[in-house]
N, C-alpha and C. Protein backbone atom coordinates (compact mmCIF):
# COMPACT_ATOMS: atom_id res chain seq x y z
N GLN A 1 -0.99 4.22 -31.32
CA GLN A 1 -1.92 4.45 -30.22
C GLN A 1 -1.55 3.52 -29.06
N VAL A 2 -1.27 4.12 -27.91
CA VAL A 2 -0.89 3.33 -26.75
C VAL A 2 -2.13 2.73 -26.11
N GLN A 3 -2.03 1.44 -25.81
CA GLN A 3 -3.14 0.76 -25.14
C GLN A 3 -2.61 -0.13 -24.04
N LEU A 4 -3.31 -0.10 -22.91
CA LEU A 4 -3.08 -1.06 -21.83
C LEU A 4 -4.41 -1.76 -21.61
N VAL A 5 -4.38 -3.08 -21.70
CA VAL A 5 -5.61 -3.85 -21.59
C VAL A 5 -5.48 -4.85 -20.45
N GLU A 6 -6.32 -4.66 -19.42
CA GLU A 6 -6.30 -5.56 -18.28
C GLU A 6 -7.28 -6.72 -18.50
N SER A 7 -6.98 -7.81 -17.85
CA SER A 7 -7.89 -8.96 -17.84
C SER A 7 -7.60 -9.78 -16.59
N GLY A 8 -8.49 -10.72 -16.29
CA GLY A 8 -8.25 -11.63 -15.19
C GLY A 8 -9.05 -11.37 -13.94
N GLY A 9 -9.82 -10.30 -13.92
CA GLY A 9 -10.63 -10.03 -12.75
C GLY A 9 -11.78 -11.03 -12.64
N GLY A 10 -12.49 -10.97 -11.52
CA GLY A 10 -13.61 -11.87 -11.33
C GLY A 10 -14.04 -11.91 -9.89
N LEU A 11 -14.88 -12.91 -9.60
CA LEU A 11 -15.40 -13.11 -8.25
C LEU A 11 -14.68 -14.30 -7.62
N VAL A 12 -14.20 -14.11 -6.41
CA VAL A 12 -13.46 -15.16 -5.72
C VAL A 12 -13.81 -15.11 -4.24
N GLN A 13 -13.73 -16.24 -3.59
CA GLN A 13 -13.98 -16.27 -2.15
C GLN A 13 -12.75 -15.80 -1.39
N ALA A 14 -12.97 -15.31 -0.20
CA ALA A 14 -11.87 -14.90 0.66
C ALA A 14 -10.89 -16.05 0.82
N GLY A 15 -9.61 -15.71 0.73
CA GLY A 15 -8.57 -16.72 0.80
C GLY A 15 -8.15 -17.25 -0.56
N GLY A 16 -8.91 -16.93 -1.58
CA GLY A 16 -8.61 -17.39 -2.92
C GLY A 16 -7.58 -16.55 -3.63
N SER A 17 -7.38 -16.88 -4.91
CA SER A 17 -6.35 -16.20 -5.72
C SER A 17 -6.90 -15.79 -7.07
N LEU A 18 -6.31 -14.76 -7.62
CA LEU A 18 -6.56 -14.34 -8.99
C LEU A 18 -5.25 -13.84 -9.57
N ARG A 19 -5.12 -13.93 -10.90
CA ARG A 19 -3.99 -13.31 -11.57
C ARG A 19 -4.50 -12.33 -12.60
N LEU A 20 -4.11 -11.09 -12.42
CA LEU A 20 -4.45 -10.05 -13.38
C LEU A 20 -3.34 -9.92 -14.40
N SER A 21 -3.74 -9.62 -15.62
CA SER A 21 -2.78 -9.36 -16.69
C SER A 21 -3.02 -7.97 -17.26
N CYS A 22 -1.95 -7.37 -17.74
CA CYS A 22 -2.03 -6.07 -18.39
C CYS A 22 -1.12 -6.13 -19.61
N THR A 23 -1.72 -6.15 -20.79
CA THR A 23 -0.95 -6.23 -22.02
C THR A 23 -0.85 -4.86 -22.66
N ALA A 24 0.37 -4.47 -22.98
CA ALA A 24 0.64 -3.14 -23.50
C ALA A 24 0.92 -3.19 -25.00
N SER A 25 0.54 -2.14 -25.69
CA SER A 25 0.82 -2.04 -27.11
C SER A 25 0.92 -0.58 -27.50
N GLY A 26 1.51 -0.34 -28.66
CA GLY A 26 1.55 1.02 -29.19
C GLY A 26 2.86 1.76 -28.98
N ARG A 27 3.69 1.28 -28.07
CA ARG A 27 5.00 1.88 -27.85
C ARG A 27 5.83 0.95 -27.00
N THR A 28 7.12 1.23 -26.95
CA THR A 28 7.97 0.48 -26.05
C THR A 28 7.91 1.12 -24.66
N PHE A 29 7.89 0.29 -23.64
CA PHE A 29 7.84 0.79 -22.28
C PHE A 29 9.18 0.60 -21.56
N SER A 30 10.23 0.42 -22.33
CA SER A 30 11.56 0.33 -21.75
C SER A 30 11.84 1.60 -20.96
N GLY A 31 12.26 1.43 -19.72
CA GLY A 31 12.53 2.59 -18.87
C GLY A 31 11.31 3.09 -18.11
N TYR A 32 10.17 2.56 -18.40
CA TYR A 32 8.95 2.96 -17.72
C TYR A 32 8.74 2.16 -16.44
N THR A 33 7.90 2.72 -15.59
CA THR A 33 7.39 2.04 -14.42
C THR A 33 5.96 1.61 -14.70
N MET A 34 5.64 0.36 -14.41
CA MET A 34 4.28 -0.15 -14.58
C MET A 34 3.66 -0.30 -13.20
N GLY A 35 2.57 0.38 -13.01
CA GLY A 35 1.92 0.37 -11.70
C GLY A 35 0.57 -0.32 -11.73
N TRP A 36 0.20 -0.86 -10.59
CA TRP A 36 -1.15 -1.37 -10.38
C TRP A 36 -1.80 -0.50 -9.29
N PHE A 37 -3.01 -0.10 -9.57
CA PHE A 37 -3.78 0.71 -8.64
C PHE A 37 -5.17 0.09 -8.52
N ARG A 38 -5.90 0.49 -7.50
CA ARG A 38 -7.26 0.01 -7.36
C ARG A 38 -8.15 1.10 -6.79
N GLN A 39 -9.43 0.96 -7.09
CA GLN A 39 -10.39 1.93 -6.59
C GLN A 39 -11.68 1.22 -6.22
N ALA A 40 -12.02 1.33 -4.94
CA ALA A 40 -13.27 0.77 -4.44
C ALA A 40 -14.34 1.85 -4.51
N PRO A 41 -15.61 1.46 -4.54
CA PRO A 41 -16.69 2.44 -4.62
C PRO A 41 -16.61 3.44 -3.47
N GLY A 42 -16.68 4.71 -3.82
CA GLY A 42 -16.67 5.75 -2.81
C GLY A 42 -15.31 6.05 -2.21
N LYS A 43 -14.26 5.42 -2.73
CA LYS A 43 -12.93 5.63 -2.18
C LYS A 43 -12.00 6.19 -3.23
N GLU A 44 -10.89 6.75 -2.75
CA GLU A 44 -9.87 7.27 -3.64
C GLU A 44 -9.13 6.11 -4.32
N ARG A 45 -8.59 6.40 -5.49
CA ARG A 45 -7.74 5.42 -6.15
C ARG A 45 -6.48 5.25 -5.31
N GLU A 46 -6.08 4.00 -5.09
CA GLU A 46 -4.93 3.77 -4.22
C GLU A 46 -3.89 2.88 -4.90
N PHE A 47 -2.68 3.10 -4.50
CA PHE A 47 -1.53 2.37 -5.02
C PHE A 47 -1.55 0.94 -4.50
N VAL A 48 -1.23 0.00 -5.39
CA VAL A 48 -1.12 -1.41 -5.02
C VAL A 48 0.33 -1.88 -5.10
N GLY A 49 0.96 -1.66 -6.24
CA GLY A 49 2.33 -2.07 -6.42
C GLY A 49 2.85 -1.61 -7.76
N LEU A 50 4.15 -1.72 -7.96
CA LEU A 50 4.73 -1.31 -9.22
C LEU A 50 5.95 -2.15 -9.55
N ILE A 51 6.33 -2.09 -10.81
CA ILE A 51 7.48 -2.84 -11.29
C ILE A 51 8.20 -2.02 -12.35
N SER A 52 9.51 -2.11 -12.31
CA SER A 52 10.31 -1.48 -13.35
C SER A 52 10.27 -2.36 -14.60
N TRP A 53 9.84 -1.79 -15.70
CA TRP A 53 9.72 -2.59 -16.91
C TRP A 53 11.06 -3.17 -17.33
N SER A 54 12.12 -2.39 -17.21
CA SER A 54 13.43 -2.84 -17.67
C SER A 54 14.12 -3.78 -16.68
N GLY A 55 14.20 -3.36 -15.41
CA GLY A 55 14.98 -4.11 -14.44
C GLY A 55 14.19 -5.13 -13.64
N GLY A 56 12.87 -4.96 -13.57
CA GLY A 56 12.06 -5.92 -12.84
C GLY A 56 11.96 -5.67 -11.35
N SER A 57 12.52 -4.57 -10.85
CA SER A 57 12.39 -4.26 -9.43
C SER A 57 10.92 -4.00 -9.10
N THR A 58 10.55 -4.34 -7.87
CA THR A 58 9.15 -4.18 -7.46
C THR A 58 9.06 -3.44 -6.14
N PHE A 59 7.88 -2.91 -5.90
CA PHE A 59 7.57 -2.23 -4.64
C PHE A 59 6.07 -2.37 -4.41
N TYR A 60 5.69 -2.59 -3.15
CA TYR A 60 4.29 -2.88 -2.85
C TYR A 60 3.74 -1.99 -1.73
N ALA A 61 2.45 -1.78 -1.79
CA ALA A 61 1.77 -1.16 -0.67
C ALA A 61 1.79 -2.13 0.51
N ASN A 62 1.83 -1.59 1.71
CA ASN A 62 1.86 -2.44 2.90
C ASN A 62 0.64 -3.36 2.97
N SER A 63 -0.47 -2.88 2.47
CA SER A 63 -1.72 -3.65 2.56
C SER A 63 -1.70 -4.94 1.74
N VAL A 64 -0.80 -5.02 0.76
CA VAL A 64 -0.77 -6.21 -0.10
C VAL A 64 0.57 -6.94 -0.03
N LYS A 65 1.53 -6.38 0.66
CA LYS A 65 2.86 -6.98 0.73
C LYS A 65 2.77 -8.39 1.30
N GLY A 66 3.43 -9.31 0.64
CA GLY A 66 3.41 -10.70 1.08
C GLY A 66 2.26 -11.51 0.50
N ARG A 67 1.28 -10.82 -0.08
CA ARG A 67 0.13 -11.51 -0.68
C ARG A 67 0.09 -11.34 -2.20
N PHE A 68 0.53 -10.20 -2.69
CA PHE A 68 0.51 -9.91 -4.12
C PHE A 68 1.94 -9.94 -4.66
N THR A 69 2.07 -10.43 -5.88
CA THR A 69 3.36 -10.43 -6.56
C THR A 69 3.18 -9.89 -7.97
N ILE A 70 3.97 -8.89 -8.30
CA ILE A 70 3.92 -8.28 -9.63
C ILE A 70 5.13 -8.76 -10.42
N SER A 71 4.87 -9.12 -11.67
CA SER A 71 5.95 -9.58 -12.55
C SER A 71 5.67 -9.08 -13.96
N ARG A 72 6.65 -9.27 -14.84
CA ARG A 72 6.41 -8.87 -16.23
C ARG A 72 7.08 -9.85 -17.16
N ASP A 73 6.51 -9.97 -18.34
CA ASP A 73 7.06 -10.79 -19.42
C ASP A 73 7.31 -9.84 -20.59
N ILE A 74 8.57 -9.48 -20.77
CA ILE A 74 8.91 -8.49 -21.78
C ILE A 74 8.55 -8.98 -23.18
N ALA A 75 8.77 -10.25 -23.44
CA ALA A 75 8.48 -10.79 -24.77
C ALA A 75 7.00 -10.69 -25.11
N LYS A 76 6.16 -10.77 -24.08
CA LYS A 76 4.71 -10.69 -24.30
C LYS A 76 4.17 -9.29 -24.05
N ASN A 77 5.04 -8.37 -23.67
CA ASN A 77 4.61 -7.00 -23.36
C ASN A 77 3.50 -6.98 -22.32
N THR A 78 3.63 -7.83 -21.32
CA THR A 78 2.56 -8.03 -20.35
C THR A 78 3.10 -7.96 -18.92
N VAL A 79 2.33 -7.31 -18.08
CA VAL A 79 2.60 -7.22 -16.65
C VAL A 79 1.51 -8.01 -15.93
N TYR A 80 1.91 -8.68 -14.86
CA TYR A 80 0.97 -9.52 -14.10
C TYR A 80 0.90 -9.07 -12.65
N ALA A 81 -0.24 -9.32 -12.05
CA ALA A 81 -0.38 -9.17 -10.61
C ALA A 81 -1.00 -10.46 -10.08
N GLN A 82 -0.17 -11.27 -9.44
CA GLN A 82 -0.66 -12.49 -8.82
C GLN A 82 -1.15 -12.13 -7.42
N MET A 83 -2.43 -12.36 -7.17
CA MET A 83 -3.04 -11.94 -5.91
C MET A 83 -3.47 -13.18 -5.15
N ASN A 84 -2.85 -13.41 -4.02
CA ASN A 84 -3.16 -14.58 -3.17
C ASN A 84 -3.76 -14.13 -1.85
N SER A 85 -4.35 -15.06 -1.15
CA SER A 85 -4.93 -14.78 0.18
C SER A 85 -5.82 -13.55 0.12
N LEU A 86 -6.67 -13.50 -0.86
CA LEU A 86 -7.52 -12.33 -1.06
C LEU A 86 -8.49 -12.13 0.08
N LYS A 87 -8.75 -10.86 0.37
CA LYS A 87 -9.64 -10.47 1.45
C LYS A 87 -10.79 -9.64 0.88
N PRO A 88 -11.92 -9.60 1.56
CA PRO A 88 -13.03 -8.77 1.07
C PRO A 88 -12.62 -7.31 0.84
N GLU A 89 -11.70 -6.80 1.63
CA GLU A 89 -11.26 -5.42 1.46
C GLU A 89 -10.40 -5.21 0.23
N ASP A 90 -10.05 -6.28 -0.46
CA ASP A 90 -9.35 -6.15 -1.74
C ASP A 90 -10.32 -5.90 -2.90
N THR A 91 -11.61 -5.94 -2.62
CA THR A 91 -12.61 -5.70 -3.66
C THR A 91 -12.48 -4.29 -4.22
N ALA A 92 -12.32 -4.21 -5.54
CA ALA A 92 -12.13 -2.91 -6.20
C ALA A 92 -12.02 -3.13 -7.70
N VAL A 93 -12.02 -2.04 -8.44
CA VAL A 93 -11.60 -2.07 -9.83
C VAL A 93 -10.09 -1.88 -9.85
N TYR A 94 -9.39 -2.78 -10.51
CA TYR A 94 -7.94 -2.73 -10.59
C TYR A 94 -7.50 -2.20 -11.94
N TYR A 95 -6.56 -1.26 -11.89
CA TYR A 95 -6.05 -0.62 -13.09
C TYR A 95 -4.55 -0.82 -13.20
N CYS A 96 -4.08 -1.02 -14.41
CA CYS A 96 -2.65 -0.92 -14.62
C CYS A 96 -2.35 0.41 -15.30
N ALA A 97 -1.15 0.89 -15.09
CA ALA A 97 -0.76 2.19 -15.61
C ALA A 97 0.73 2.18 -15.93
N ALA A 98 1.13 3.07 -16.83
CA ALA A 98 2.53 3.21 -17.20
C ALA A 98 2.96 4.65 -16.99
N GLY A 99 4.11 4.80 -16.37
CA GLY A 99 4.62 6.15 -16.12
C GLY A 99 6.12 6.20 -16.24
N ARG A 100 6.64 7.40 -16.34
CA ARG A 100 8.07 7.59 -16.56
C ARG A 100 8.89 7.60 -15.28
N PHE A 101 8.21 7.64 -14.12
CA PHE A 101 8.92 7.79 -12.86
C PHE A 101 8.56 6.67 -11.89
N TRP A 102 9.46 6.45 -10.96
CA TRP A 102 9.28 5.41 -9.93
C TRP A 102 8.51 6.05 -8.78
N VAL A 103 7.19 6.14 -8.95
CA VAL A 103 6.36 6.83 -7.96
C VAL A 103 5.11 6.02 -7.68
N THR A 104 4.47 6.32 -6.55
CA THR A 104 3.25 5.61 -6.17
C THR A 104 2.00 6.47 -6.32
N THR A 105 2.16 7.71 -6.75
CA THR A 105 1.01 8.60 -6.90
C THR A 105 0.38 8.42 -8.27
N TRP A 106 -0.90 8.10 -8.32
CA TRP A 106 -1.53 7.73 -9.57
C TRP A 106 -1.56 8.89 -10.56
N THR A 107 -1.54 10.10 -10.08
CA THR A 107 -1.60 11.24 -10.98
C THR A 107 -0.32 11.42 -11.80
N ASP A 108 0.74 10.71 -11.42
CA ASP A 108 2.00 10.82 -12.15
C ASP A 108 2.14 9.80 -13.27
N TYR A 109 1.11 9.03 -13.51
CA TYR A 109 1.17 8.00 -14.56
C TYR A 109 0.52 8.51 -15.84
N ASP A 110 1.12 8.13 -16.98
CA ASP A 110 0.72 8.71 -18.26
C ASP A 110 -0.34 7.90 -19.00
N TYR A 111 -0.28 6.59 -18.87
CA TYR A 111 -1.17 5.73 -19.64
C TYR A 111 -1.91 4.80 -18.69
N TRP A 112 -3.18 4.54 -19.01
CA TRP A 112 -4.03 3.74 -18.14
C TRP A 112 -4.83 2.72 -18.93
N GLY A 113 -5.06 1.58 -18.28
CA GLY A 113 -6.00 0.62 -18.83
C GLY A 113 -7.41 0.95 -18.41
N GLN A 114 -8.35 0.15 -18.87
CA GLN A 114 -9.76 0.41 -18.62
C GLN A 114 -10.22 -0.12 -17.28
N GLY A 115 -9.43 -0.96 -16.66
CA GLY A 115 -9.78 -1.50 -15.35
C GLY A 115 -10.45 -2.86 -15.45
N THR A 116 -10.28 -3.65 -14.40
CA THR A 116 -10.93 -4.95 -14.30
C THR A 116 -11.44 -5.13 -12.88
N GLN A 117 -12.67 -5.62 -12.75
CA GLN A 117 -13.31 -5.73 -11.44
C GLN A 117 -12.83 -6.97 -10.71
N VAL A 118 -12.45 -6.79 -9.47
CA VAL A 118 -12.13 -7.90 -8.57
C VAL A 118 -13.09 -7.83 -7.39
N THR A 119 -13.81 -8.91 -7.15
CA THR A 119 -14.75 -8.97 -6.04
C THR A 119 -14.41 -10.18 -5.19
N VAL A 120 -14.19 -9.92 -3.91
CA VAL A 120 -13.84 -10.98 -2.97
C VAL A 120 -14.99 -11.12 -1.97
N SER A 121 -15.59 -12.28 -1.96
CA SER A 121 -16.73 -12.53 -1.06
C SER A 121 -16.24 -13.14 0.24
N SER A 122 -16.96 -12.81 1.31
CA SER A 122 -16.55 -13.31 2.64
C SER A 122 -17.21 -14.64 2.95
């Protein structure tokens, strides 16, 4: 059974930092793309960033570029999202996902975590 479990969300003041973790189990994700997405109340789910599980290449949404860094630890089967200089508009439920393609559209991802809430106060 494939599972992605996120953790690390919470409440932080604007300008602060959080690190999200996503631990995978149930299969190997070699060759997969690991994506981070977020969804604020009343808004569509949006792409945040992604990383190649095997090669470690990354790509980010313009809204988070320079502030968020995605990395992975293969030995721990875990993907991270280090979020710095957080803004109130970053408030959302953050999801990690695994997919077979290097894409930013959330509908193309096969496996999803349950989400973790990030709230940034002004």
